[in-house]
Amino acid sequence: VAAADDLLSRVEDAGASLIFDVDDALHLIDATHPDHAAFAPRLAAMDRVARSARAIWCATEPLAAHYRGFAPTVRVVENRLDARLCSRRWTPLSDRGPAASP
C-alpha cells in the first residue's frame, strides 16, 4: 500500500491524471488458487489506485462491472493482438478450424 500511496502522491504533485488499466480479475482469486498468497496483499493497493484514478480501462465487461463506482469513467478496452507484430507464418487458432482448438 505504501508504493500505491507514493505513486498517487507523485501523480498529484505532477498535476497529472491517472488511468488505471486492468485486464486480470485478481479480486476473484480465492484462497484455493496457487497464486492467492502472492496477489492477496496487493489487492488493497490496487483498489486504492483504482479509486484514485480519473478513468479505469478494463479488458472485459465483467471487469468493468466490478470497477464501476471506483472512478468517474470506466470503459471496456478489449485486448487485441496487432497482426502486424506477428510473423507471416503465424495463423490465429480461430482461423485454423475446430481441430486446432485446445
C-alpha atoms as a PDB file:
ATOM      1  CA  VAL A   1       0.000   0.000   0.000  1.00  0.00           C
ATOM      2  CA  ALA A   2       2.938   2.336   0.627  1.00  0.00           C
ATOM      3  CA  ALA A   3       4.014   2.047  -3.015  1.00  0.00           C
ATOM      4  CA  ALA A   4       0.467   2.914  -4.114  1.00  0.00           C
ATOM      5  CA  ASP A   5       0.448   5.954  -1.843  1.00  0.00           C
ATOM      6  CA  ASP A   6       3.813   7.021  -3.260  1.00  0.00           C
ATOM      7  CA  LEU A   7       2.502   6.682  -6.815  1.00  0.00           C
ATOM      8  CA  LEU A   8      -0.640   8.668  -6.028  1.00  0.00           C
ATOM      9  CA  SER A   9       1.415  11.374  -4.347  1.00  0.00           C
ATOM     10  CA  ARG A  10       3.671  11.679  -7.404  1.00  0.00           C
ATOM     11  CA  VAL A  11       0.680  11.858  -9.733  1.00  0.00           C
ATOM     12  CA  GLU A  12      -0.851  14.612  -7.613  1.00  0.00           C
ATOM     13  CA  ASP A  13       2.449  16.532  -7.356  1.00  0.00           C
ATOM     14  CA  ALA A  14       2.808  16.388 -11.139  1.00  0.00           C
ATOM     15  CA  GLY A  15      -0.741  17.631 -11.669  1.00  0.00           C
ATOM     16  CA  ALA A  16      -1.343  14.545 -13.802  1.00  0.00           C
ATOM     17  CA  SER A  17      -4.343  12.300 -14.224  1.00  0.00           C
ATOM     18  CA  LEU A  18      -4.147   8.596 -13.568  1.00  0.00           C
ATOM     19  CA  ILE A  19      -5.717   5.979 -15.815  1.00  0.00           C
ATOM     20  CA  PHE A  20      -5.903   2.526 -14.231  1.00  0.00           C
ATOM     21  CA  ASP A  21      -5.694  -0.228 -16.870  1.00  0.00           C
ATOM     22  CA  VAL A  22      -6.717  -3.700 -15.746  1.00  0.00           C
ATOM     23  CA  ASP A  23      -7.078  -6.964 -17.627  1.00  0.00           C
ATOM     24  CA  ASP A  24      -6.998  -9.556 -14.845  1.00  0.00           C
ATOM     25  CA  ALA A  25      -9.719 -10.353 -12.307  1.00  0.00           C
ATOM     26  CA  LEU A  26      -7.272 -10.664  -9.419  1.00  0.00           C
ATOM     27  CA  HIS A  27     -10.071  -9.854  -6.966  1.00  0.00           C
ATOM     28  CA  LEU A  28     -11.601 -13.250  -7.854  1.00  0.00           C
ATOM     29  CA  ILE A  29      -8.559 -15.303  -6.835  1.00  0.00           C
ATOM     30  CA  ASP A  30      -9.670 -17.188  -3.741  1.00  0.00           C
ATOM     31  CA  ALA A  31      -7.608 -18.982  -1.113  1.00  0.00           C
ATOM     32  CA  THR A  32      -7.613 -22.231  -3.103  1.00  0.00           C
ATOM     33  CA  HIS A  33      -5.753 -20.637  -6.034  1.00  0.00           C
ATOM     34  CA  PRO A  34      -1.974 -21.304  -6.072  1.00  0.00           C
ATOM     35  CA  ASP A  35      -1.223 -17.590  -6.566  1.00  0.00           C
ATOM     36  CA  HIS A  36      -3.550 -16.343  -3.819  1.00  0.00           C
ATOM     37  CA  ALA A  37      -0.726 -15.654  -1.349  1.00  0.00           C
ATOM     38  CA  ALA A  38       1.132 -13.578  -3.936  1.00  0.00           C
ATOM     39  CA  PHE A  39      -1.829 -11.443  -5.025  1.00  0.00           C
ATOM     40  CA  ALA A  40      -3.968 -11.052  -1.894  1.00  0.00           C
ATOM     41  CA  PRO A  41      -1.682  -8.467  -0.221  1.00  0.00           C
ATOM     42  CA  ARG A  42      -1.710  -6.341  -3.382  1.00  0.00           C
ATOM     43  CA  LEU A  43      -5.483  -6.041  -3.712  1.00  0.00           C
ATOM     44  CA  ALA A  44      -5.824  -3.184  -1.214  1.00  0.00           C
ATOM     45  CA  ALA A  45      -3.178  -1.198  -3.088  1.00  0.00           C
ATOM     46  CA  MET A  46      -4.849  -1.911  -6.425  1.00  0.00           C
ATOM     47  CA  ASP A  47      -8.206  -0.767  -5.054  1.00  0.00           C
ATOM     48  CA  ARG A  48      -6.665   2.410  -3.667  1.00  0.00           C
ATOM     49  CA  VAL A  49      -5.091   3.257  -7.028  1.00  0.00           C
ATOM     50  CA  ALA A  50      -8.291   2.386  -8.909  1.00  0.00           C
ATOM     51  CA  ARG A  51     -10.396   4.589  -6.620  1.00  0.00           C
ATOM     52  CA  SER A  52      -7.990   7.487  -7.195  1.00  0.00           C
ATOM     53  CA  ALA A  53      -7.970   7.130 -10.980  1.00  0.00           C
ATOM     54  CA  ARG A  54      -9.621   9.580 -13.315  1.00  0.00           C
ATOM     55  CA  ALA A  55     -10.612   6.620 -15.502  1.00  0.00           C
ATOM     56  CA  ILE A  56     -10.392   2.846 -15.454  1.00  0.00           C
ATOM     57  CA  TRP A  57      -9.887   0.829 -18.626  1.00  0.00           C
ATOM     58  CA  CYS A  58     -10.993  -2.806 -18.338  1.00  0.00           C
ATOM     59  CA  ALA A  59     -10.372  -5.605 -20.813  1.00  0.00           C
ATOM     60  CA  THR A  60     -13.837  -7.108 -20.374  1.00  0.00           C
ATOM     61  CA  GLU A  61     -17.356  -6.098 -19.392  1.00  0.00           C
ATOM     62  CA  PRO A  62     -17.298  -8.264 -16.215  1.00  0.00           C
ATOM     63  CA  LEU A  63     -14.184  -6.369 -15.059  1.00  0.00           C
ATOM     64  CA  ALA A  64     -15.873  -3.070 -15.891  1.00  0.00           C
ATOM     65  CA  ALA A  65     -18.911  -4.135 -13.854  1.00  0.00           C
ATOM     66  CA  HIS A  66     -16.626  -4.794 -10.870  1.00  0.00           C
ATOM     67  CA  TYR A  67     -14.868  -1.418 -11.141  1.00  0.00           C
ATOM     68  CA  ARG A  68     -17.921   0.783 -11.815  1.00  0.00           C
ATOM     69  CA  GLY A  69     -18.203   3.183  -8.924  1.00  0.00           C
ATOM     70  CA  PHE A  70     -14.432   3.211  -8.334  1.00  0.00           C
ATOM     71  CA  ALA A  71     -13.798   6.060 -10.797  1.00  0.00           C
ATOM     72  CA  PRO A  72     -15.852   8.616 -12.740  1.00  0.00           C
ATOM     73  CA  THR A  73     -15.188   6.824 -16.029  1.00  0.00           C
ATOM     74  CA  VAL A  74     -14.956   3.067 -16.537  1.00  0.00           C
ATOM     75  CA  ARG A  75     -14.550   1.815 -20.104  1.00  0.00           C
ATOM     76  CA  VAL A  76     -14.071  -1.524 -21.772  1.00  0.00           C
ATOM     77  CA  VAL A  77     -10.911  -1.500 -23.896  1.00  0.00           C
ATOM     78  CA  GLU A  78     -10.610  -5.047 -25.202  1.00  0.00           C
ATOM     79  CA  ASN A  79      -7.247  -6.724 -25.522  1.00  0.00           C
ATOM     80  CA  ARG A  80      -6.259  -7.169 -29.123  1.00  0.00           C
ATOM     81  CA  LEU A  81      -3.188  -8.619 -30.766  1.00  0.00           C
ATOM     82  CA  ASP A  82      -1.859  -6.397 -33.539  1.00  0.00           C
ATOM     83  CA  ALA A  83      -1.419  -8.711 -36.512  1.00  0.00           C
ATOM     84  CA  ARG A  84       1.471  -6.547 -37.738  1.00  0.00           C
ATOM     85  CA  LEU A  85       3.530  -7.818 -34.815  1.00  0.00           C
ATOM     86  CA  CYS A  86       3.179 -11.437 -35.860  1.00  0.00           C
ATOM     87  CA  SER A  87       5.165 -13.480 -38.311  1.00  0.00           C
ATOM     88  CA  ARG A  88       3.542 -14.037 -41.679  1.00  0.00           C
ATOM     89  CA  ARG A  89       3.588 -17.757 -40.896  1.00  0.00           C
ATOM     90  CA  TRP A  90       1.526 -17.346 -37.737  1.00  0.00           C
ATOM     91  CA  THR A  91      -2.190 -18.110 -38.016  1.00  0.00           C
ATOM     92  CA  PRO A  92      -4.608 -17.464 -35.147  1.00  0.00           C
ATOM     93  CA  LEU A  93      -6.159 -20.631 -33.697  1.00  0.00           C
ATOM     94  CA  SER A  94      -9.606 -19.315 -34.594  1.00  0.00           C
ATOM     95  CA  ASP A  95      -8.590 -19.396 -38.277  1.00  0.00           C
ATOM     96  CA  ARG A  96      -7.219 -22.959 -38.145  1.00  0.00           C
ATOM     97  CA  GLY A  97     -10.516 -24.741 -37.684  1.00  0.00           C
ATOM     98  CA  PRO A  98     -12.004 -26.790 -34.839  1.00  0.00           C
ATOM     99  CA  ALA A  99      -9.229 -29.421 -34.781  1.00  0.00           C
ATOM    100  CA  ALA A 100      -6.677 -26.778 -33.721  1.00  0.00           C
ATOM    101  CA  SER A 101      -8.653 -25.509 -30.743  1.00  0.00           C
ATOM    102  CA  PRO A 102      -7.301 -26.518 -27.304  1.00  0.00           C
END
